[in-house]
Amino acid sequence: MLASGGASAIIARRIPLSMNIGLFGGTFDPVHKGHLAVARAAAERFQLGKIYFIPASMPPHRQEERITAFHDRYAMLALATVGEKGFLPSLAEAPAEQDHLSFTIDTVRRFKQAAGRSDHLFFIIGIDAFMQVANWHRSEDLLREIDFIVVSRPGFSMADVADALPKSLRPPPAVVKAFRKSPAKGTLALRNTMIHILDEVKSAVSATQVRRAASGGKSLARFVEPLVAEYIKKMGLYKAGGRRQQAGQKH
């Protein structure tokens, strides 16, 4: 892949051979073992040659919260993926000199423009975040641009997945009704995209747990990679008065 358009559009060097490529977007505040488990499972099931971890610069769904500075979240991603050849931290949504909105559809299109003609891209996302996809900027266009890998968990049905779609893309009501008792698994085929459900990932780790443990000075060994734990401790992240910044809007 090619870099283009400055820091906020930096992607990666061109990949010479066609392959399946995953785009794993999120706040990653911080990246933890659950994220890595998802990436490994997705890579195995969908034969992903590369997975780009894309930390959001200004996530819209957390505009009222405070998130850790982008450079710290990116640094932790670089440390967490150092031992994984196919996992790459991305600067695709790095902040520019001035605050800006970096919409998911713009990021996806930059990757598609830089990819080879026969490369197949997938957007990886947790089911909780996917439930809000209809509210994202130009969500219909986004869902037509790229196939999704939605990481499910117990309690969600295929009807929940269908209901989360913009109205114009939802299956007929009779089909959705038939999904009510079906757990979220398999694939939902739409006119121009596929929603693949990844339901075999077993991980109870959350970023909230990591931040809470770090705030209390507890061991992070069960939550994050050793280098990430060392970075959090060294930089004093997630402690009262630690380095945080106000989130903006996006998606």
Protein backbone atom coordinates (compact mmCIF):
# COMPACT_ATOMS: atom_id res chain seq x y z
CA MET A 1 0.00 0.00 0.00
CA LEU A 2 1.04 3.60 -0.57
CA ALA A 3 1.23 6.53 1.75
CA SER A 4 -0.71 9.57 0.61
CA GLY A 5 -1.75 13.05 1.67
CA GLY A 6 0.23 13.76 4.84
CA ALA A 7 0.30 12.31 8.36
CA SER A 8 -3.43 11.73 8.66
CA ALA A 9 -3.42 9.65 5.48
CA ILE A 10 -0.26 7.63 6.05
CA ILE A 11 -1.13 4.00 5.46
CA ALA A 12 1.77 1.73 4.55
CA ARG A 13 3.99 0.62 1.73
CA ARG A 14 2.35 -1.13 -1.20
CA ILE A 15 1.79 -4.83 -0.74
CA PRO A 16 3.10 -6.50 -3.91
CA LEU A 17 0.82 -9.54 -3.97
CA SER A 18 -2.95 -9.74 -3.72
CA MET A 19 -4.25 -10.75 -0.34
CA ASN A 20 -7.07 -10.44 2.15
CA ILE A 21 -6.49 -7.42 4.37
CA GLY A 22 -8.17 -6.50 7.63
CA LEU A 23 -8.74 -2.94 8.85
CA PHE A 24 -9.22 -3.04 12.60
CA GLY A 25 -10.49 0.32 13.79
CA GLY A 26 -11.04 1.42 17.36
CA THR A 27 -9.99 3.72 20.14
CA PHE A 28 -7.49 1.18 21.53
CA ASP A 29 -7.32 2.96 24.89
CA PRO A 30 -5.36 0.82 25.49
CA VAL A 31 -4.87 -2.12 23.12
CA HIS A 32 -5.27 -5.33 25.14
CA LYS A 33 -5.13 -9.11 24.76
CA GLY A 34 -8.77 -9.22 23.71
CA HIS A 35 -7.99 -7.09 20.65
CA LEU A 36 -5.13 -9.40 19.73
CA ALA A 37 -7.32 -12.49 20.17
CA VAL A 38 -9.88 -10.98 17.79
CA ALA A 39 -7.20 -10.18 15.22
CA ARG A 40 -5.74 -13.69 15.39
CA ALA A 41 -9.15 -15.32 15.03
CA ALA A 42 -10.08 -13.07 12.11
CA ALA A 43 -6.74 -13.68 10.41
CA GLU A 44 -7.17 -17.43 10.68
CA ARG A 45 -10.79 -17.63 9.60
CA PHE A 46 -10.59 -15.17 6.72
CA GLN A 47 -6.98 -15.83 5.75
CA LEU A 48 -5.94 -12.23 6.30
CA GLY A 49 -2.39 -11.60 5.21
CA LYS A 50 -2.25 -8.24 6.99
CA ILE A 51 -4.27 -6.55 9.69
CA TYR A 52 -3.88 -2.81 10.16
CA PHE A 53 -4.75 -1.58 13.65
CA ILE A 54 -6.15 1.93 13.12
CA PRO A 55 -6.44 4.01 16.31
CA ALA A 56 -9.09 6.68 15.94
CA SER A 57 -7.90 10.23 16.35
CA MET A 58 -11.24 11.76 17.30
CA PRO A 59 -13.91 9.09 17.87
CA PRO A 60 -17.43 10.56 17.60
CA HIS A 61 -19.10 8.05 19.90
CA ARG A 62 -16.85 9.20 22.78
CA GLN A 63 -16.96 12.94 22.23
CA GLU A 64 -18.03 13.61 25.80
CA GLU A 65 -15.28 11.44 27.26
CA ARG A 66 -11.56 11.90 27.60
CA ILE A 67 -9.19 9.60 25.77
CA THR A 68 -5.46 9.07 25.92
CA ALA A 69 -3.32 11.07 23.51
CA PHE A 70 -3.06 9.53 20.04
CA HIS A 71 0.71 9.14 20.18
CA ASP A 72 0.46 7.07 23.38
CA ARG A 73 -2.24 4.81 21.95
CA TYR A 74 -0.24 4.37 18.74
CA ALA A 75 2.93 3.60 20.70
CA MET A 76 1.12 0.91 22.70
CA LEU A 77 -0.19 -0.63 19.46
CA ALA A 78 3.33 -0.71 18.05
CA LEU A 79 4.56 -2.48 21.19
CA ALA A 80 1.63 -4.92 21.30
CA THR A 81 2.08 -6.02 17.68
CA VAL A 82 5.87 -6.14 17.56
CA GLY A 83 5.90 -9.95 17.65
CA GLU A 84 3.14 -10.40 15.07
CA LYS A 85 4.47 -10.18 11.51
CA GLY A 86 1.08 -9.57 9.91
CA PHE A 87 -0.18 -7.03 12.48
CA LEU A 88 0.66 -3.41 11.69
CA PRO A 89 -0.16 -0.21 13.60
CA SER A 90 -1.49 2.45 11.23
CA LEU A 91 -1.25 6.24 11.16
CA ALA A 92 -4.21 6.48 8.79
CA GLU A 93 -6.18 8.56 11.31
CA ALA A 94 -3.31 10.35 12.98
CA PRO A 95 -4.17 13.93 13.97
CA ALA A 96 -2.90 16.71 11.72
CA GLU A 97 -1.59 20.01 12.99
CA GLN A 98 -5.16 21.17 13.50
CA ASP A 99 -8.06 19.18 14.93
CA HIS A 100 -10.05 17.46 12.24
CA LEU A 101 -12.69 14.85 11.69
CA SER A 102 -11.44 11.59 10.21
CA PHE A 103 -14.42 9.60 9.02
CA THR A 104 -14.29 5.83 8.69
CA ILE A 105 -15.46 5.93 5.09
CA ASP A 106 -12.55 8.23 4.18
CA THR A 107 -10.08 5.88 5.84
CA VAL A 108 -11.53 2.86 4.04
CA ARG A 109 -11.40 4.61 0.68
CA ARG A 110 -7.77 5.61 1.17
CA PHE A 111 -6.86 2.02 1.88
CA LYS A 112 -8.83 0.81 -1.14
CA GLN A 113 -7.13 3.32 -3.42
CA ALA A 114 -3.72 2.18 -2.22
CA ALA A 115 -4.50 -1.54 -2.37
CA GLY A 116 -3.93 -3.81 -5.32
CA ARG A 117 -6.85 -4.44 -7.65
CA SER A 118 -7.30 -8.00 -6.43
CA ASP A 119 -6.86 -7.27 -2.72
CA HIS A 120 -9.97 -7.91 -0.63
CA LEU A 121 -10.49 -5.63 2.35
CA PHE A 122 -12.49 -6.34 5.51
CA PHE A 123 -13.41 -3.90 8.27
CA ILE A 124 -13.17 -5.53 11.72
CA ILE A 125 -15.46 -4.22 14.45
CA GLY A 126 -17.02 -5.38 17.71
CA ILE A 127 -20.76 -6.01 17.70
CA ASP A 128 -21.44 -3.31 20.31
CA ALA A 129 -19.91 -0.68 18.04
CA PHE A 130 -21.64 -2.17 14.99
CA MET A 131 -24.99 -1.62 16.68
CA GLN A 132 -24.45 2.11 16.03
CA VAL A 133 -23.32 1.79 12.42
CA ALA A 134 -26.51 3.33 10.98
CA ASN A 135 -25.57 6.58 12.75
CA TRP A 136 -22.12 6.75 11.22
CA HIS A 137 -21.22 9.34 8.60
CA ARG A 138 -22.43 8.10 5.20
CA SER A 139 -23.09 4.66 6.64
CA GLU A 140 -24.84 3.35 3.53
CA ASP A 141 -21.86 4.26 1.36
CA LEU A 142 -19.49 2.72 3.89
CA LEU A 143 -21.36 -0.58 3.94
CA ARG A 144 -21.18 -0.68 0.14
CA GLU A 145 -17.45 0.02 0.15
CA ILE A 146 -16.16 -2.87 2.25
CA ASP A 147 -17.12 -6.21 3.77
CA PHE A 148 -17.44 -6.29 7.55
CA ILE A 149 -16.22 -8.78 10.13
CA VAL A 150 -18.39 -8.26 13.20
CA VAL A 151 -17.07 -9.77 16.42
CA SER A 152 -20.10 -11.16 18.22
CA ARG A 153 -20.70 -12.24 21.80
CA PRO A 154 -23.47 -14.16 23.60
CA GLY A 155 -26.86 -12.51 23.71
CA PHE A 156 -26.91 -11.09 20.18
CA SER A 157 -28.99 -12.52 17.34
CA MET A 158 -28.76 -12.17 13.57
CA ALA A 159 -31.86 -9.99 13.84
CA ASP A 160 -29.86 -7.58 16.01
CA VAL A 161 -27.23 -7.39 13.27
CA ALA A 162 -29.90 -6.79 10.60
CA ASP A 163 -31.68 -4.17 12.71
CA ALA A 164 -28.43 -2.23 13.15
CA LEU A 165 -28.18 -1.59 9.41
CA PRO A 166 -29.45 1.60 7.78
CA LYS A 167 -33.10 1.12 6.82
CA SER A 168 -32.38 1.04 3.10
CA LEU A 169 -30.04 -1.93 3.53
CA ARG A 170 -32.03 -4.03 5.98
CA PRO A 171 -33.47 -7.36 4.84
CA PRO A 172 -37.27 -7.58 4.51
CA PRO A 173 -39.15 -7.64 7.85
CA ALA A 174 -40.14 -11.29 7.37
CA VAL A 175 -36.48 -12.25 7.03
CA VAL A 176 -35.48 -10.22 10.09
CA LYS A 177 -38.27 -11.83 12.09
CA ALA A 178 -36.98 -15.28 11.16
CA PHE A 179 -33.56 -14.25 12.55
CA ARG A 180 -34.90 -13.42 16.02
CA LYS A 181 -34.06 -16.80 17.50
CA SER A 182 -30.86 -17.29 15.55
CA PRO A 183 -27.63 -16.43 17.40
CA ALA A 184 -25.32 -14.00 15.66
CA LYS A 185 -23.16 -16.29 13.55
CA GLY A 186 -22.54 -17.01 9.90
CA THR A 187 -22.85 -14.39 7.17
CA LEU A 188 -25.48 -11.82 6.28
CA ALA A 189 -25.36 -11.19 2.53
CA LEU A 190 -26.45 -7.73 1.39
CA ARG A 191 -26.65 -6.39 -2.14
CA ASN A 192 -23.15 -4.91 -2.22
CA THR A 193 -21.45 -6.20 0.91
CA MET A 194 -21.15 -9.15 3.25
CA ILE A 195 -21.47 -8.99 7.02
CA HIS A 196 -19.42 -11.87 8.41
CA ILE A 197 -19.94 -12.78 12.06
CA LEU A 198 -16.90 -13.86 14.06
CA ASP A 199 -18.36 -15.66 17.06
CA GLU A 200 -15.60 -17.93 18.27
CA VAL A 201 -13.47 -15.39 20.13
CA LYS A 202 -13.48 -16.02 23.87
CA SER A 203 -12.08 -13.04 25.74
CA ALA A 204 -13.51 -11.11 28.65
CA VAL A 205 -10.85 -8.39 28.66
CA SER A 206 -11.97 -4.80 28.23
CA ALA A 207 -10.12 -1.50 28.04
CA THR A 208 -12.12 -0.33 31.04
CA GLN A 209 -10.67 -3.17 33.11
CA VAL A 210 -7.16 -2.23 32.06
CA ARG A 211 -7.63 1.43 32.93
CA ARG A 212 -9.19 0.57 36.28
CA ALA A 213 -6.36 -1.81 37.16
CA ALA A 214 -3.71 0.71 36.09
CA SER A 215 -5.41 3.44 38.10
CA GLY A 216 -5.24 1.24 41.18
CA GLY A 217 -1.62 0.27 40.63
CA LYS A 218 -2.53 -3.38 40.07
CA SER A 219 -0.78 -5.88 37.81
CA LEU A 220 -1.74 -5.67 34.14
CA ALA A 221 -0.22 -9.02 33.18
CA ARG A 222 -3.54 -10.72 32.50
CA PHE A 223 -4.84 -7.84 30.40
CA VAL A 224 -2.08 -6.55 28.12
CA GLU A 225 1.21 -7.58 26.55
CA PRO A 226 4.29 -7.10 28.81
CA LEU A 227 5.69 -4.23 26.73
CA VAL A 228 2.35 -2.43 26.87
CA ALA A 229 2.14 -2.89 30.63
CA GLU A 230 5.66 -1.48 30.97
CA TYR A 231 4.76 1.52 28.80
CA ILE A 232 1.61 2.27 30.80
CA LYS A 233 3.58 2.17 34.04
CA LYS A 234 6.51 4.17 32.69
CA MET A 235 4.32 6.93 31.24
CA GLY A 236 1.93 7.00 34.18
CA LEU A 237 -1.12 6.43 31.99
CA TYR A 238 -4.61 6.02 33.48
CA LYS A 239 -3.68 7.41 36.87
CA ALA A 240 -5.52 10.38 38.34
CA GLY A 241 -4.19 13.49 36.63
CA GLY A 242 -2.45 11.38 33.97
CA ARG A 243 -2.07 12.31 30.32
CA ARG A 244 -5.51 12.45 28.73
CA GLN A 245 -7.07 14.60 26.04
CA GLN A 246 -10.60 15.58 25.13
CA ALA A 247 -12.08 13.48 22.35
CA GLY A 248 -13.82 15.09 19.42
CA GLN A 249 -16.35 13.89 16.86
CA LYS A 250 -16.08 11.41 14.07
CA HIS A 251 -17.55 8.44 12.20
